Protein backbone atom coordinates (compact mmCIF):
# COMPACT_ATOMS: atom_id res chain seq x y z
CA MET A 1 214.95 -17.20 16.33
CA PRO A 2 213.06 -13.97 15.52
CA ARG A 3 209.21 -14.17 15.30
CA ARG A 4 207.87 -14.21 11.78
CA LYS A 5 206.31 -10.91 10.72
CA ASP A 6 202.53 -10.93 10.23
CA ASN A 7 202.05 -9.70 6.67
CA GLU A 8 198.39 -8.97 7.30
CA ILE A 9 199.27 -6.13 9.68
CA TYR A 10 200.34 -2.90 8.06
CA LYS A 11 201.30 0.57 9.19
CA TYR A 12 200.21 3.86 7.75
CA LYS A 13 200.71 7.59 8.39
CA LEU A 14 198.09 10.15 9.24
CA LYS A 15 198.24 13.61 7.65
CA GLY A 16 200.10 14.94 10.67
CA GLY A 17 202.79 12.30 10.23
CA LYS A 18 201.72 10.11 13.16
CA VAL A 19 202.08 6.30 12.47
CA LYS A 20 199.10 3.91 13.05
CA PHE A 21 198.58 0.23 12.50
CA GLY A 22 195.82 -1.82 10.93
CA PHE A 23 195.04 -5.23 9.51
CA LYS A 24 192.92 -7.00 6.91
CA THR A 25 192.24 -10.64 7.54
CA TYR A 26 190.12 -13.62 6.45
CA VAL A 27 187.89 -15.04 9.16
CA GLY A 28 185.76 -17.62 7.44
CA ILE A 29 182.86 -18.39 5.13
CA ASN A 30 179.37 -16.93 5.39
CA LYS A 31 177.14 -20.08 5.58
CA VAL A 32 174.22 -18.32 4.06
CA THR A 33 175.94 -16.75 0.99
CA GLY A 34 178.92 -19.07 0.70
CA LYS A 35 181.18 -15.99 0.32
CA PRO A 36 184.44 -15.40 2.20
CA ILE A 37 184.37 -12.87 5.05
CA LYS A 38 187.32 -10.47 5.26
CA VAL A 39 187.55 -7.86 7.99
CA THR A 40 189.59 -4.68 8.04
CA ARG A 41 190.44 -2.80 11.28
CA GLN A 42 192.77 0.10 11.82
CA GLY A 43 193.61 2.94 14.21
CA PHE A 44 195.81 0.94 16.54
CA GLU A 45 198.79 2.71 18.28
CA THR A 46 201.19 -0.19 18.03
CA ARG A 47 201.71 -3.39 15.98
CA LYS A 48 201.13 -5.41 19.21
CA GLU A 49 197.70 -3.82 19.70
CA ALA A 50 196.78 -4.72 16.10
CA GLU A 51 198.00 -8.28 16.56
CA SER A 52 195.96 -8.68 19.78
CA ALA A 53 192.84 -7.33 18.12
CA LYS A 54 193.22 -9.66 15.14
CA THR A 55 193.65 -12.67 17.41
CA LYS A 56 190.48 -11.82 19.33
CA LEU A 57 188.52 -11.24 16.10
CA LYS A 58 189.46 -14.69 14.83
CA ALA A 59 188.58 -16.26 18.15
CA ASP A 60 185.13 -14.60 18.09
CA GLY A 61 184.29 -16.44 14.90
CA VAL A 62 182.10 -15.84 11.89
CA ASP A 63 178.77 -15.81 13.69
CA LYS A 64 179.71 -13.05 16.10
CA ILE A 65 181.17 -10.91 13.35
CA LEU A 66 177.98 -11.36 11.26
CA THR A 67 175.83 -10.46 14.27
CA LYS A 68 177.85 -7.25 14.85
CA ARG A 69 177.51 -6.37 11.12
CA LYS A 70 173.76 -6.90 11.38
CA PHE A 71 173.61 -4.49 14.33
CA GLU A 72 175.49 -1.86 12.43
CA ASN A 73 173.62 -2.34 9.12
CA ASP A 74 170.19 -2.47 10.84
CA LYS A 75 170.57 0.28 13.39
CA LYS A 76 167.42 1.16 15.26
CA THR A 77 166.87 4.26 17.28
CA VAL A 78 164.99 3.86 20.60
CA GLN A 79 162.18 5.80 18.89
CA GLU A 80 162.00 3.18 16.16
CA VAL A 81 162.01 0.33 18.59
CA TYR A 82 159.16 2.01 20.53
CA GLU A 83 157.09 2.38 17.35
CA ALA A 84 157.64 -1.34 16.50
CA TRP A 85 156.81 -2.43 20.12
CA LEU A 86 153.76 -0.28 20.84
CA PRO A 87 151.31 -1.96 18.45
CA ILE A 88 152.15 -5.39 19.93
CA TYR A 89 151.76 -4.09 23.47
CA ARG A 90 148.48 -2.38 22.54
CA THR A 91 146.82 -5.76 21.58
CA GLY A 92 147.09 -7.17 25.07
CA VAL A 93 146.07 -4.30 27.40
CA LYS A 94 143.36 -1.80 28.01
CA GLY A 95 143.36 1.63 26.46
CA SER A 96 144.02 3.28 29.87
CA SER A 97 147.28 1.30 30.15
CA VAL A 98 148.40 2.46 26.69
CA VAL A 99 147.69 6.02 27.76
CA GLN A 100 149.93 5.65 30.79
CA VAL A 101 152.79 4.16 28.69
CA LYS A 102 152.50 6.87 26.06
CA SER A 103 152.59 9.56 28.71
CA ILE A 104 155.79 8.09 30.24
CA TRP A 105 157.32 7.83 26.79
CA ASP A 106 156.40 11.37 25.64
CA ASN A 107 157.39 13.16 28.79
CA ARG A 108 160.31 11.18 30.22
CA ILE A 109 161.97 8.60 27.92
CA GLN A 110 161.67 10.12 24.42
CA PRO A 111 163.29 13.46 25.23
CA GLU A 112 166.29 11.57 26.73
CA PHE A 113 166.81 8.56 24.49
CA GLY A 114 164.43 8.81 21.54
CA ASN A 115 167.17 9.64 18.96
CA ASP A 116 169.83 7.42 20.47
CA TYR A 117 170.61 4.09 18.74
CA ILE A 118 169.22 1.22 20.89
CA ASN A 119 172.51 -0.64 20.71
CA HIS A 120 174.61 2.33 21.76
CA ILE A 121 172.80 3.65 24.81
CA ASP A 122 175.55 5.31 26.95
CA VAL A 123 175.74 3.67 30.38
CA ASP A 124 176.71 6.92 32.11
CA HIS A 125 173.73 8.67 30.51
CA LEU A 126 171.45 5.87 31.64
CA GLN A 127 172.79 6.03 35.19
CA ARG A 128 172.19 9.80 35.31
CA PHE A 129 168.70 9.33 33.97
CA ALA A 130 167.89 6.67 36.69
CA ASN A 131 169.20 8.99 39.37
CA GLU A 132 167.14 11.95 38.02
CA MET A 133 163.98 9.95 37.86
CA SER A 134 164.33 8.81 41.47
CA GLN A 135 164.81 12.44 42.54
CA LYS A 136 161.67 13.59 40.67
CA TYR A 137 159.10 10.78 41.00
CA VAL A 138 157.88 8.35 43.62
CA GLY A 139 157.02 5.81 40.89
CA TYR A 140 160.43 6.18 39.07
CA ARG A 141 160.83 2.50 38.68
CA ARG A 142 157.86 2.34 36.29
CA THR A 143 159.69 4.76 33.95
CA LEU A 144 162.86 2.72 34.08
CA ASN A 145 161.02 -0.53 33.59
CA GLU A 146 159.34 0.85 30.46
CA LEU A 147 162.78 1.71 28.96
CA HIS A 148 164.19 -1.55 30.04
CA ARG A 149 161.27 -3.36 28.33
CA LEU A 150 162.12 -1.66 25.03
CA ILE A 151 165.74 -2.73 25.30
CA LYS A 152 164.82 -6.35 26.03
CA TYR A 153 162.46 -6.33 23.06
CA ALA A 154 165.28 -5.03 20.89
CA ILE A 155 167.53 -7.80 22.10
CA LEU A 156 164.84 -10.32 21.25
CA ARG A 157 164.60 -8.86 17.71
CA ASP A 158 168.43 -8.87 17.28
CA TRP A 159 168.58 -5.09 17.16
CA CYS A 160 170.67 -4.95 20.25
CA ASP A 161 173.25 -7.26 21.67
CA LYS A 162 173.71 -5.98 25.19
CA ASP A 163 171.65 -4.71 28.07
CA PRO A 164 173.05 -1.42 29.48
CA PHE A 165 170.83 -1.93 32.65
CA ASP A 166 173.27 -4.67 33.63
CA LYS A 167 175.95 -2.03 34.22
CA ILE A 168 174.02 0.55 36.30
CA LEU A 169 172.67 0.66 39.83
CA ILE A 170 168.98 1.37 40.16
CA PRO A 171 168.40 3.79 43.17
CA LYS A 172 166.70 1.82 46.01
CA LYS A 173 164.15 4.54 46.78
CA SER A 174 162.81 7.82 45.63
CA ALA A 175 163.97 11.13 47.18
CA LYS A 176 160.36 12.35 46.76
CA PRO A 177 158.07 11.58 49.76
CA LYS A 178 155.30 9.09 49.04
CA ARG A 179 151.64 10.03 49.25
CA ASP A 180 150.12 8.81 52.53
CA THR A 181 148.25 5.73 51.29
CA GLU A 182 148.72 3.92 54.55
CA HIS A 183 146.03 6.06 56.18
CA ASN A 184 143.80 6.41 53.16
CA PHE A 185 140.82 4.85 54.89
CA TYR A 186 138.13 5.63 57.45
CA GLU A 187 137.55 4.34 60.91
CA LEU A 188 133.90 3.49 61.47
CA LYS A 189 133.03 6.77 63.15
CA ASP A 190 134.66 8.79 60.37
CA LEU A 191 132.83 6.79 57.70
CA LYS A 192 129.50 7.39 59.40
CA ALA A 193 130.24 11.10 59.60
CA PHE A 194 131.06 11.26 55.88
CA LEU A 195 127.97 9.34 54.81
CA ALA A 196 125.79 11.47 57.07
CA THR A 197 127.18 14.63 55.40
CA ALA A 198 126.75 13.08 51.88
CA LYS A 199 123.20 12.12 52.64
CA LYS A 200 122.18 15.70 53.55
CA HIS A 201 124.09 17.23 50.64
CA ASN A 202 123.27 15.05 47.64
CA TYR A 203 121.41 11.73 47.60
CA LYS A 204 123.09 10.52 44.41
CA TYR A 205 126.53 11.14 45.89
CA TYR A 206 125.38 9.40 49.14
CA THR A 207 124.13 6.35 47.15
CA PHE A 208 127.37 6.10 45.20
CA PHE A 209 129.61 6.20 48.34
CA MET A 210 127.26 3.79 50.11
CA ILE A 211 127.92 1.38 47.31
CA LEU A 212 131.74 1.84 47.71
CA ALA A 213 131.56 1.54 51.45
CA ASN A 214 129.31 -1.54 51.54
CA LEU A 215 130.69 -3.46 48.54
CA GLY A 216 134.29 -2.32 48.22
CA VAL A 217 133.93 -2.06 44.47
CA ARG A 218 136.29 0.24 42.46
CA ARG A 219 134.88 3.59 41.43
CA GLY A 220 134.76 2.56 37.73
CA GLU A 221 132.92 -0.70 38.70
CA ALA A 222 130.33 1.34 40.57
CA LEU A 223 129.90 3.79 37.65
CA GLY A 224 129.49 0.86 35.26
CA LEU A 225 126.55 -0.62 37.13
CA LYS A 226 123.14 -0.84 35.44
CA TRP A 227 119.91 -1.48 37.16
CA SER A 228 119.87 -4.86 35.51
CA ASP A 229 122.97 -5.75 37.49
CA ILE A 230 121.05 -5.36 40.79
CA ASP A 231 119.12 -8.52 41.81
CA PHE A 232 116.87 -7.16 44.53
CA LYS A 233 115.05 -10.50 44.91
CA ASN A 234 118.20 -12.56 45.61
CA LYS A 235 120.08 -9.62 47.22
CA LEU A 236 122.97 -9.75 44.76
CA VAL A 237 124.89 -7.32 42.58
CA HIS A 238 126.70 -8.50 39.48
CA ILE A 239 130.03 -6.66 38.75
CA LYS A 240 130.41 -7.05 34.90
CA ARG A 241 131.96 -3.84 33.57
CA THR A 242 133.90 -0.75 34.47
CA THR A 243 134.17 2.79 33.16
CA THR A 244 137.71 3.63 32.03
CA PHE A 245 139.61 5.66 29.38
CA ASN A 246 140.63 4.51 25.96
CA GLU A 247 143.94 5.24 24.22
CA LYS A 248 142.76 8.61 23.08
CA SER A 249 141.86 9.55 26.72
CA TYR A 250 138.14 9.39 25.96
CA LYS A 251 135.85 7.71 28.45
CA ALA A 252 135.04 4.01 27.61
CA ILE A 253 133.30 0.94 28.93
CA GLY A 254 135.52 -2.06 29.54
CA SER A 255 135.77 -5.28 31.46
CA PRO A 256 136.84 -5.17 35.10
CA LYS A 257 140.48 -4.91 35.99
CA THR A 258 141.18 -8.65 36.20
CA PRO A 259 139.22 -11.92 35.61
CA ALA A 260 138.71 -12.13 39.38
CA SER A 261 137.12 -8.75 39.31
CA LYS A 262 134.01 -10.17 37.57
CA ARG A 263 132.06 -11.21 40.62
CA ASP A 264 128.76 -11.44 42.41
CA LEU A 265 128.42 -9.62 45.73
CA SER A 266 125.75 -9.90 48.43
CA LEU A 267 123.64 -6.80 48.92
CA PRO A 268 123.24 -5.72 52.54
CA SER A 269 119.58 -4.88 53.41
CA HIS A 270 120.32 -1.23 54.25
CA LEU A 271 122.05 -0.71 50.83
CA ILE A 272 119.00 -2.22 49.08
CA GLU A 273 116.81 0.38 50.83
CA VAL A 274 119.11 3.16 49.66
CA LEU A 275 119.15 1.94 46.07
CA GLN A 276 115.42 1.56 45.95
CA LYS A 277 114.86 5.06 47.34
CA TYR A 278 117.42 6.51 44.90
CA ARG A 279 115.70 4.76 41.99
CA SER A 280 112.34 6.09 43.02
CA MET A 281 113.84 9.60 42.85
CA GLN A 282 114.92 9.21 39.22
CA VAL A 283 112.38 10.40 36.73
CA GLU A 284 114.32 9.53 33.52
CA PHE A 285 116.68 6.65 32.57
CA ASN A 286 115.29 4.26 35.05
CA SER A 287 114.78 1.10 32.99
CA ASP A 288 116.76 -2.09 33.73
CA ASP A 289 119.35 -1.41 31.04
CA ASP A 290 120.07 2.16 32.19
CA TYR A 291 123.15 3.09 34.10
CA ILE A 292 122.50 3.76 37.77
CA PHE A 293 124.73 6.84 37.66
CA HIS A 294 124.59 8.68 34.41
CA THR A 295 124.77 12.05 32.57
CA LYS A 296 121.74 14.17 31.69
CA THR A 297 121.43 12.18 28.45
CA GLY A 298 121.61 8.82 30.16
CA ASP A 299 125.19 8.07 29.16
CA TYR A 300 127.74 6.58 31.58
CA LEU A 301 130.09 8.86 33.47
CA PRO A 302 133.93 9.00 33.30
CA PRO A 303 135.99 7.64 36.19
CA THR A 304 136.92 11.19 37.25
CA ALA A 305 133.36 12.05 38.31
CA PRO A 306 133.65 10.65 41.92
CA THR A 307 136.60 12.96 42.61
CA TYR A 308 134.33 15.96 42.13
CA TRP A 309 131.59 14.35 44.13
CA ILE A 310 133.79 13.58 47.16
CA ASN A 311 135.27 17.08 47.14
CA SER A 312 131.74 18.45 47.07
CA VAL A 313 130.93 16.51 50.19
CA TYR A 314 134.12 17.67 51.95
CA ASN A 315 133.21 21.27 51.22
CA GLN A 316 130.02 20.74 53.32
CA ASN A 317 131.94 19.73 56.50
CA GLU A 318 135.40 20.92 57.24
CA ASP A 319 135.78 18.43 60.10
CA LEU A 320 135.66 15.40 57.73
CA LYS A 321 138.87 13.44 57.30
CA GLU A 322 139.74 13.46 53.56
CA ILE A 323 140.44 10.26 51.73
CA THR A 324 140.27 9.39 48.03
CA PRO A 325 137.37 7.43 46.42
CA HIS A 326 139.75 4.43 46.29
CA GLY A 327 140.17 4.65 50.07
CA PHE A 328 136.67 3.25 50.54
CA ARG A 329 138.02 -0.17 49.38
CA HIS A 330 140.69 0.02 52.04
CA THR A 331 138.02 1.21 54.48
CA LEU A 332 135.82 -1.85 53.94
CA ALA A 333 138.70 -4.24 54.27
CA THR A 334 139.91 -2.58 57.45
CA LEU A 335 136.48 -2.67 59.04
CA LEU A 336 135.99 -6.30 58.12
CA TYR A 337 139.31 -7.27 59.75
CA ASP A 338 138.42 -5.22 62.84
CA ASP A 339 135.27 -7.27 63.35
CA ASP A 340 136.31 -10.08 65.82
CA LYS A 341 132.94 -11.82 65.55
CA TYR A 342 133.34 -13.44 62.08
CA ASN A 343 137.11 -13.76 61.76
CA ILE A 344 137.35 -12.49 58.17
CA THR A 345 140.58 -13.67 56.43
CA PRO A 346 142.66 -12.03 53.68
CA LYS A 347 141.32 -14.67 51.26
CA ASP A 348 137.75 -13.56 52.07
CA VAL A 349 138.72 -9.93 51.41
CA GLN A 350 140.44 -10.94 48.11
CA THR A 351 137.15 -12.47 46.99
CA ILE A 352 135.03 -9.45 47.92
CA LEU A 353 137.28 -6.82 46.48
CA GLY A 354 138.02 -8.80 43.37
CA HIS A 355 141.85 -8.79 43.75
CA LYS A 356 143.88 -10.93 41.33
CA ASN A 357 145.80 -12.41 44.22
CA VAL A 358 145.83 -12.18 48.02
CA THR A 359 148.84 -9.86 48.24
CA GLU A 360 146.94 -6.57 48.52
CA ALA A 361 144.48 -8.03 51.03
CA LEU A 362 147.51 -9.25 53.11
CA GLU A 363 149.04 -5.81 53.08
CA ILE A 364 145.87 -4.27 54.51
CA TYR A 365 145.65 -7.14 57.03
CA THR A 366 149.25 -6.57 58.15
CA HIS A 367 148.47 -2.89 58.72
CA VAL A 368 145.35 -3.76 60.73
CA THR A 369 147.14 -6.27 62.94
CA SER A 370 150.00 -3.81 63.60
CA GLN A 371 147.47 -1.31 64.75
CA GLN A 372 145.92 -3.97 67.00
CA LYS A 373 149.38 -4.69 68.51
CA LYS A 374 149.82 -0.98 69.14
CA LYS A 375 146.48 -0.88 70.98
CA ILE A 376 147.49 -3.83 73.07
CA THR A 377 150.78 -2.17 74.00
CA GLU A 378 148.95 1.05 74.95
CA SER A 379 146.48 -0.91 77.09
CA ILE A 380 149.39 -2.53 78.94
CA ASN A 381 151.04 0.81 79.49
CA ASN A 382 147.78 2.19 80.91
CA LEU A 383 147.79 -0.53 83.58
CA GLY A 384 150.55 1.46 85.28
CA LEU A 385 152.29 -1.67 86.60
């Protein structure tokens, strides 16, 4: 018995005479409006293709059809999603974090995807973008994560129904060589040589780097110190604030990086002597509520200032090993681990440096212990057995 012809499927001719097929069918009732939903589709090469598409459409059901219609009627470009997401992100982070995100958006993501619809990001385009980022930047994953975060936000808001990141492969590593952060620290002899040079060159610079070397504080935390934070009597320093940048890239005062970064640290006796001598050299802005390191008008300094200071010290002695100001945190941790007398643990270092968790302290510890193993191996080799 011949199959009954589906009257909802029709054929039509294009201007060139080619025959195509389409259909118009009822799929159900809109529960919100109570109105019937009818869907029209066409452009199929054969009747069989049209029948298959119609069957799948009815199987998807009313909810899926309405969702697709919503996506089409409420199309959002990646730019529009970014503009909706940024004010929300801004409320929970520091201005410096917003500056970083905006820089990534303006220079990397927006030129590539800003005008694309969030629900129609081409997978091949995304894969090429991921590959290019891994070729250009060591921290390429940060860029990809920022774009992925926008897509996930769009999915949450029902502006997007699929995640194109599910269909690409993220490069495992960057083609660009990493900066040598593993050796961004001083051995004790190198530290002493740097401090001796700094002391001869500029006592303010010397005092600043003595604070970094002895306390392991971040550069912004050291710049944010006031004399009132120094308790000479009880030999303590209170870390309460940091210098940073706001969203407009202006210097600002903020809270330390994490809740664990607000901490009290013991002041070594030799650092107390340095601080007291430095204070006696200051003629102005020397009251308790003044910043220890300040501009000519008594204002706090931006986080970039120590970079100029450290380079100034390096210019005095070409034999000095060069590290970054941040390397002094790594230096203190390394020297503490190297001291066999007190058996300092990663948890101790976490507390001193104000890390949110013990991970970073463990990474430094692992590096130190691997160096110790290397020394042991070299000692055994030198036995000449």
